[in-house]
Amino acid sequence: MKHVWGYSTLVFWAFSVVQPQRASADLLEFDLNTHAGYVDLEQLESADSSTLSGSALGVDARLQIWFLQGIAEYQRVLGEADLIHLGVGFRPTLELRFMRLYATSSLGLMVFAPDSRAGDDDTTRGFQARGGGGVEFLFADDWLAVGTAIEFSTHKVGDDWGTGYLFRGYLGLRI
């Protein structure tokens, strides 16, 4: 009897904390985020290396209509290069009482500028596909979010194919 009471209490607690409120995004959502993290991308030459990796700071904007999203993202890999990603993709979400879990994918244009010289002859354009997920905690009546995400990518920049990942923590505004 003691175990039954313990298990039923655990099940009651779990449902009271993580009961899903909805399993989809709002019809229209706009996010503006500032983030800090770590980037590791292969086959992007910077400072005589075939791998671009290091701490990064950036901003991104995302317009989501149901599960479809448009993304514009800028990242400054400190001391190395600028990265820009403009893409479209999917972002299904699962909202729990105090947090939002999500998966994300996008396909789009990638611009790589070593030594922060966007527009110079060294600027290279290509394509990038990303997939990953994250968790964010919502505050202020769901207007503010603090979260973390990881994305894995494959890209073609110039004549080279490469892979990589991006890990970041962020603070965002939800409209």
C-alpha atoms as a PDB file:
ATOM      1  CA  MET A   1       0.000   0.000   0.000  1.00  0.00           C
ATOM      2  CA  LYS A   2       2.905   2.307   0.787  1.00  0.00           C
ATOM      3  CA  HIS A   3       4.277   1.935  -2.782  1.00  0.00           C
ATOM      4  CA  VAL A   4       0.879   2.583  -4.357  1.00  0.00           C
ATOM      5  CA  TRP A   5       0.541   5.831  -2.378  1.00  0.00           C
ATOM      6  CA  GLY A   6       4.071   6.891  -3.379  1.00  0.00           C
ATOM      7  CA  TYR A   7       3.546   6.135  -7.067  1.00  0.00           C
ATOM      8  CA  SER A   8       0.150   7.843  -7.192  1.00  0.00           C
ATOM      9  CA  THR A   9       1.638  10.933  -5.535  1.00  0.00           C
ATOM     10  CA  LEU A  10       4.472  10.962  -8.074  1.00  0.00           C
ATOM     11  CA  VAL A  11       2.035  10.590 -11.002  1.00  0.00           C
ATOM     12  CA  PHE A  12      -0.218  13.358  -9.603  1.00  0.00           C
ATOM     13  CA  TRP A  13       2.792  15.673  -9.176  1.00  0.00           C
ATOM     14  CA  ALA A  14       4.080  14.926 -12.688  1.00  0.00           C
ATOM     15  CA  PHE A  15       0.723  15.695 -14.301  1.00  0.00           C
ATOM     16  CA  SER A  16       0.268  18.870 -12.290  1.00  0.00           C
ATOM     17  CA  VAL A  17       3.700  20.206 -13.310  1.00  0.00           C
ATOM     18  CA  VAL A  18       4.122  19.042 -16.900  1.00  0.00           C
ATOM     19  CA  GLN A  19       0.559  18.795 -18.175  1.00  0.00           C
ATOM     20  CA  PRO A  20       0.638  20.006 -21.789  1.00  0.00           C
ATOM     21  CA  GLN A  21      -1.478  23.070 -22.464  1.00  0.00           C
ATOM     22  CA  ARG A  22      -1.209  22.866 -26.234  1.00  0.00           C
ATOM     23  CA  ALA A  23       0.939  21.024 -28.748  1.00  0.00           C
ATOM     24  CA  SER A  24       1.287  23.690 -31.423  1.00  0.00           C
ATOM     25  CA  ALA A  25       2.509  27.225 -31.901  1.00  0.00           C
ATOM     26  CA  ASP A  26       0.305  30.290 -31.966  1.00  0.00           C
ATOM     27  CA  LEU A  27      -0.915  31.248 -35.402  1.00  0.00           C
ATOM     28  CA  LEU A  28       1.551  34.149 -35.652  1.00  0.00           C
ATOM     29  CA  GLU A  29       4.619  34.814 -33.508  1.00  0.00           C
ATOM     30  CA  PHE A  30       7.614  37.130 -33.850  1.00  0.00           C
ATOM     31  CA  ASP A  31      10.779  36.542 -31.789  1.00  0.00           C
ATOM     32  CA  LEU A  32      13.805  38.771 -31.369  1.00  0.00           C
ATOM     33  CA  ASN A  33      16.740  37.172 -29.503  1.00  0.00           C
ATOM     34  CA  THR A  34      20.215  38.052 -28.384  1.00  0.00           C
ATOM     35  CA  HIS A  35      22.445  35.065 -27.746  1.00  0.00           C
ATOM     36  CA  ALA A  36      25.865  33.882 -26.654  1.00  0.00           C
ATOM     37  CA  GLY A  37      27.269  30.458 -27.321  1.00  0.00           C
ATOM     38  CA  TYR A  38      29.781  28.273 -29.099  1.00  0.00           C
ATOM     39  CA  VAL A  39      30.118  27.607 -32.832  1.00  0.00           C
ATOM     40  CA  ASP A  40      32.060  24.793 -34.498  1.00  0.00           C
ATOM     41  CA  LEU A  41      31.854  24.613 -38.304  1.00  0.00           C
ATOM     42  CA  GLU A  42      34.132  22.491 -40.502  1.00  0.00           C
ATOM     43  CA  GLN A  43      35.410  23.518 -43.938  1.00  0.00           C
ATOM     44  CA  LEU A  44      35.222  27.260 -43.252  1.00  0.00           C
ATOM     45  CA  GLU A  45      38.710  28.678 -43.475  1.00  0.00           C
ATOM     46  CA  SER A  46      39.618  31.266 -40.890  1.00  0.00           C
ATOM     47  CA  ALA A  47      43.057  32.121 -39.535  1.00  0.00           C
ATOM     48  CA  ASP A  48      44.740  29.329 -41.531  1.00  0.00           C
ATOM     49  CA  SER A  49      42.426  26.640 -40.166  1.00  0.00           C
ATOM     50  CA  SER A  50      39.795  24.547 -41.938  1.00  0.00           C
ATOM     51  CA  THR A  51      37.515  24.683 -38.883  1.00  0.00           C
ATOM     52  CA  LEU A  52      35.826  27.790 -37.552  1.00  0.00           C
ATOM     53  CA  SER A  53      35.198  27.382 -33.848  1.00  0.00           C
ATOM     54  CA  GLY A  54      34.910  29.580 -30.813  1.00  0.00           C
ATOM     55  CA  SER A  55      32.688  31.717 -28.672  1.00  0.00           C
ATOM     56  CA  ALA A  56      30.018  33.652 -30.502  1.00  0.00           C
ATOM     57  CA  LEU A  57      27.667  36.557 -29.849  1.00  0.00           C
ATOM     58  CA  GLY A  58      24.709  37.351 -32.030  1.00  0.00           C
ATOM     59  CA  VAL A  59      21.140  38.351 -32.688  1.00  0.00           C
ATOM     60  CA  ASP A  60      18.359  36.644 -34.549  1.00  0.00           C
ATOM     61  CA  ALA A  61      14.793  37.342 -35.601  1.00  0.00           C
ATOM     62  CA  ARG A  62      12.167  34.735 -36.363  1.00  0.00           C
ATOM     63  CA  LEU A  63       8.687  35.077 -37.823  1.00  0.00           C
ATOM     64  CA  GLN A  64       6.575  31.995 -37.289  1.00  0.00           C
ATOM     65  CA  ILE A  65       3.194  31.268 -38.856  1.00  0.00           C
ATOM     66  CA  TRP A  66       1.860  28.118 -37.218  1.00  0.00           C
ATOM     67  CA  PHE A  67       4.802  25.665 -37.657  1.00  0.00           C
ATOM     68  CA  LEU A  68       6.501  27.489 -40.561  1.00  0.00           C
ATOM     69  CA  GLN A  69       9.284  29.929 -39.783  1.00  0.00           C
ATOM     70  CA  GLY A  70      11.488  32.488 -41.458  1.00  0.00           C
ATOM     71  CA  ILE A  71      14.859  33.170 -39.794  1.00  0.00           C
ATOM     72  CA  ALA A  72      17.436  35.955 -40.046  1.00  0.00           C
ATOM     73  CA  GLU A  73      20.509  35.406 -37.855  1.00  0.00           C
ATOM     74  CA  TYR A  74      23.836  37.181 -37.388  1.00  0.00           C
ATOM     75  CA  GLN A  75      26.698  35.711 -35.336  1.00  0.00           C
ATOM     76  CA  ARG A  76      30.095  37.138 -34.549  1.00  0.00           C
ATOM     77  CA  VAL A  77      32.568  34.358 -33.794  1.00  0.00           C
ATOM     78  CA  LEU A  78      34.893  36.308 -31.521  1.00  0.00           C
ATOM     79  CA  GLY A  79      38.230  37.074 -33.132  1.00  0.00           C
ATOM     80  CA  GLU A  80      37.405  34.994 -36.197  1.00  0.00           C
ATOM     81  CA  ALA A  81      34.528  35.835 -38.531  1.00  0.00           C
ATOM     82  CA  ASP A  82      30.944  36.897 -39.134  1.00  0.00           C
ATOM     83  CA  LEU A  83      28.219  34.396 -40.027  1.00  0.00           C
ATOM     84  CA  ILE A  84      24.780  35.198 -41.429  1.00  0.00           C
ATOM     85  CA  HIS A  85      21.993  32.674 -41.931  1.00  0.00           C
ATOM     86  CA  LEU A  86      18.763  33.531 -43.775  1.00  0.00           C
ATOM     87  CA  GLY A  87      16.403  30.583 -43.947  1.00  0.00           C
ATOM     88  CA  VAL A  88      12.972  29.047 -43.864  1.00  0.00           C
ATOM     89  CA  GLY A  89      11.910  25.952 -41.980  1.00  0.00           C
ATOM     90  CA  PHE A  90       9.729  24.273 -39.390  1.00  0.00           C
ATOM     91  CA  ARG A  91       9.493  24.746 -35.610  1.00  0.00           C
ATOM     92  CA  PRO A  92       6.900  22.633 -33.796  1.00  0.00           C
ATOM     93  CA  THR A  93       6.579  23.386 -30.088  1.00  0.00           C
ATOM     94  CA  LEU A  94       5.208  21.738 -26.998  1.00  0.00           C
ATOM     95  CA  GLU A  95       4.208  24.186 -24.293  1.00  0.00           C
ATOM     96  CA  LEU A  96       4.233  23.000 -20.717  1.00  0.00           C
ATOM     97  CA  ARG A  97       3.148  24.990 -17.673  1.00  0.00           C
ATOM     98  CA  PHE A  98       6.343  26.993 -17.293  1.00  0.00           C
ATOM     99  CA  MET A  99       8.482  26.154 -20.331  1.00  0.00           C
ATOM    100  CA  ARG A 100       8.389  25.500 -24.047  1.00  0.00           C
ATOM    101  CA  LEU A 101      10.165  22.586 -25.727  1.00  0.00           C
ATOM    102  CA  TYR A 102      10.785  22.843 -29.449  1.00  0.00           C
ATOM    103  CA  ALA A 103      12.398  21.191 -32.423  1.00  0.00           C
ATOM    104  CA  THR A 104      13.670  23.337 -35.261  1.00  0.00           C
ATOM    105  CA  SER A 105      14.892  22.904 -38.808  1.00  0.00           C
ATOM    106  CA  SER A 106      15.811  25.373 -41.518  1.00  0.00           C
ATOM    107  CA  LEU A 107      17.319  25.573 -44.969  1.00  0.00           C
ATOM    108  CA  GLY A 108      18.757  28.769 -46.319  1.00  0.00           C
ATOM    109  CA  LEU A 109      21.515  31.081 -47.411  1.00  0.00           C
ATOM    110  CA  MET A 110      24.750  31.254 -45.423  1.00  0.00           C
ATOM    111  CA  VAL A 111      27.197  34.142 -45.673  1.00  0.00           C
ATOM    112  CA  PHE A 112      30.689  33.725 -44.202  1.00  0.00           C
ATOM    113  CA  ALA A 113      33.032  36.693 -43.805  1.00  0.00           C
ATOM    114  CA  PRO A 114      36.434  35.933 -42.236  1.00  0.00           C
ATOM    115  CA  ASP A 115      37.986  38.677 -40.150  1.00  0.00           C
ATOM    116  CA  SER A 116      34.690  40.607 -40.134  1.00  0.00           C
ATOM    117  CA  ARG A 117      34.979  41.935 -43.666  1.00  0.00           C
ATOM    118  CA  ALA A 118      31.459  41.281 -44.963  1.00  0.00           C
ATOM    119  CA  GLY A 119      31.283  42.441 -48.558  1.00  0.00           C
ATOM    120  CA  ASP A 120      35.025  42.060 -49.214  1.00  0.00           C
ATOM    121  CA  ASP A 121      36.468  39.590 -51.712  1.00  0.00           C
ATOM    122  CA  ASP A 122      36.883  37.054 -48.881  1.00  0.00           C
ATOM    123  CA  THR A 123      33.122  36.937 -48.246  1.00  0.00           C
ATOM    124  CA  THR A 124      31.735  33.567 -49.284  1.00  0.00           C
ATOM    125  CA  ARG A 125      28.113  32.636 -49.838  1.00  0.00           C
ATOM    126  CA  GLY A 126      26.579  29.204 -49.724  1.00  0.00           C
ATOM    127  CA  PHE A 127      23.736  27.136 -48.368  1.00  0.00           C
ATOM    128  CA  GLN A 128      23.139  25.701 -44.937  1.00  0.00           C
ATOM    129  CA  ALA A 129      20.673  23.146 -43.516  1.00  0.00           C
ATOM    130  CA  ARG A 130      20.132  23.073 -39.742  1.00  0.00           C
ATOM    131  CA  GLY A 131      18.245  20.888 -37.316  1.00  0.00           C
ATOM    132  CA  GLY A 132      18.068  20.817 -33.552  1.00  0.00           C
ATOM    133  CA  GLY A 133      16.016  21.668 -30.534  1.00  0.00           C
ATOM    134  CA  GLY A 134      15.823  23.617 -27.350  1.00  0.00           C
ATOM    135  CA  VAL A 135      13.982  24.637 -24.246  1.00  0.00           C
ATOM    136  CA  GLU A 136      12.900  28.092 -23.174  1.00  0.00           C
ATOM    137  CA  PHE A 137      11.340  29.442 -20.011  1.00  0.00           C
ATOM    138  CA  LEU A 138       8.666  32.084 -20.508  1.00  0.00           C
ATOM    139  CA  PHE A 139       8.209  35.145 -18.265  1.00  0.00           C
ATOM    140  CA  ALA A 140       6.183  38.358 -18.113  1.00  0.00           C
ATOM    141  CA  ASP A 141       2.972  36.842 -19.456  1.00  0.00           C
ATOM    142  CA  ASP A 142       4.948  35.016 -22.198  1.00  0.00           C
ATOM    143  CA  TRP A 143       6.593  38.212 -23.541  1.00  0.00           C
ATOM    144  CA  LEU A 144      10.129  37.303 -22.428  1.00  0.00           C
ATOM    145  CA  ALA A 145      12.030  34.040 -22.765  1.00  0.00           C
ATOM    146  CA  VAL A 146      15.326  32.661 -21.484  1.00  0.00           C
ATOM    147  CA  GLY A 147      16.464  29.494 -23.170  1.00  0.00           C
ATOM    148  CA  THR A 148      19.114  27.239 -24.564  1.00  0.00           C
ATOM    149  CA  ALA A 149      19.352  25.475 -27.914  1.00  0.00           C
ATOM    150  CA  ILE A 150      21.618  23.208 -29.905  1.00  0.00           C
ATOM    151  CA  GLU A 151      21.577  22.896 -33.685  1.00  0.00           C
ATOM    152  CA  PHE A 152      23.520  20.632 -36.001  1.00  0.00           C
ATOM    153  CA  SER A 153      24.197  21.732 -39.551  1.00  0.00           C
ATOM    154  CA  THR A 154      25.561  20.825 -42.915  1.00  0.00           C
ATOM    155  CA  HIS A 155      26.650  23.513 -45.345  1.00  0.00           C
ATOM    156  CA  LYS A 156      28.139  24.136 -48.755  1.00  0.00           C
ATOM    157  CA  VAL A 157      30.227  27.272 -48.927  1.00  0.00           C
ATOM    158  CA  GLY A 158      32.214  27.865 -52.075  1.00  0.00           C
ATOM    159  CA  ASP A 159      33.290  24.441 -53.323  1.00  0.00           C
ATOM    160  CA  ASP A 160      33.426  22.813 -49.894  1.00  0.00           C
ATOM    161  CA  TRP A 161      30.865  20.792 -47.940  1.00  0.00           C
ATOM    162  CA  GLY A 162      31.067  20.796 -44.160  1.00  0.00           C
ATOM    163  CA  THR A 163      29.240  20.029 -40.953  1.00  0.00           C
ATOM    164  CA  GLY A 164      29.014  21.685 -37.599  1.00  0.00           C
ATOM    165  CA  TYR A 165      27.039  22.580 -34.540  1.00  0.00           C
ATOM    166  CA  LEU A 166      25.922  25.675 -32.674  1.00  0.00           C
ATOM    167  CA  PHE A 167      25.170  25.772 -28.963  1.00  0.00           C
ATOM    168  CA  ARG A 168      23.707  28.902 -27.415  1.00  0.00           C
ATOM    169  CA  GLY A 169      21.881  30.451 -24.519  1.00  0.00           C
ATOM    170  CA  TYR A 170      19.568  33.328 -25.282  1.00  0.00           C
ATOM    171  CA  LEU A 171      17.302  36.071 -23.976  1.00  0.00           C
ATOM    172  CA  GLY A 172      14.366  36.876 -26.206  1.00  0.00           C
ATOM    173  CA  LEU A 173      11.321  39.043 -26.746  1.00  0.00           C
ATOM    174  CA  ARG A 174       8.132  37.272 -27.886  1.00  0.00           C
ATOM    175  CA  ILE A 175       5.525  39.295 -29.780  1.00  0.00           C
END
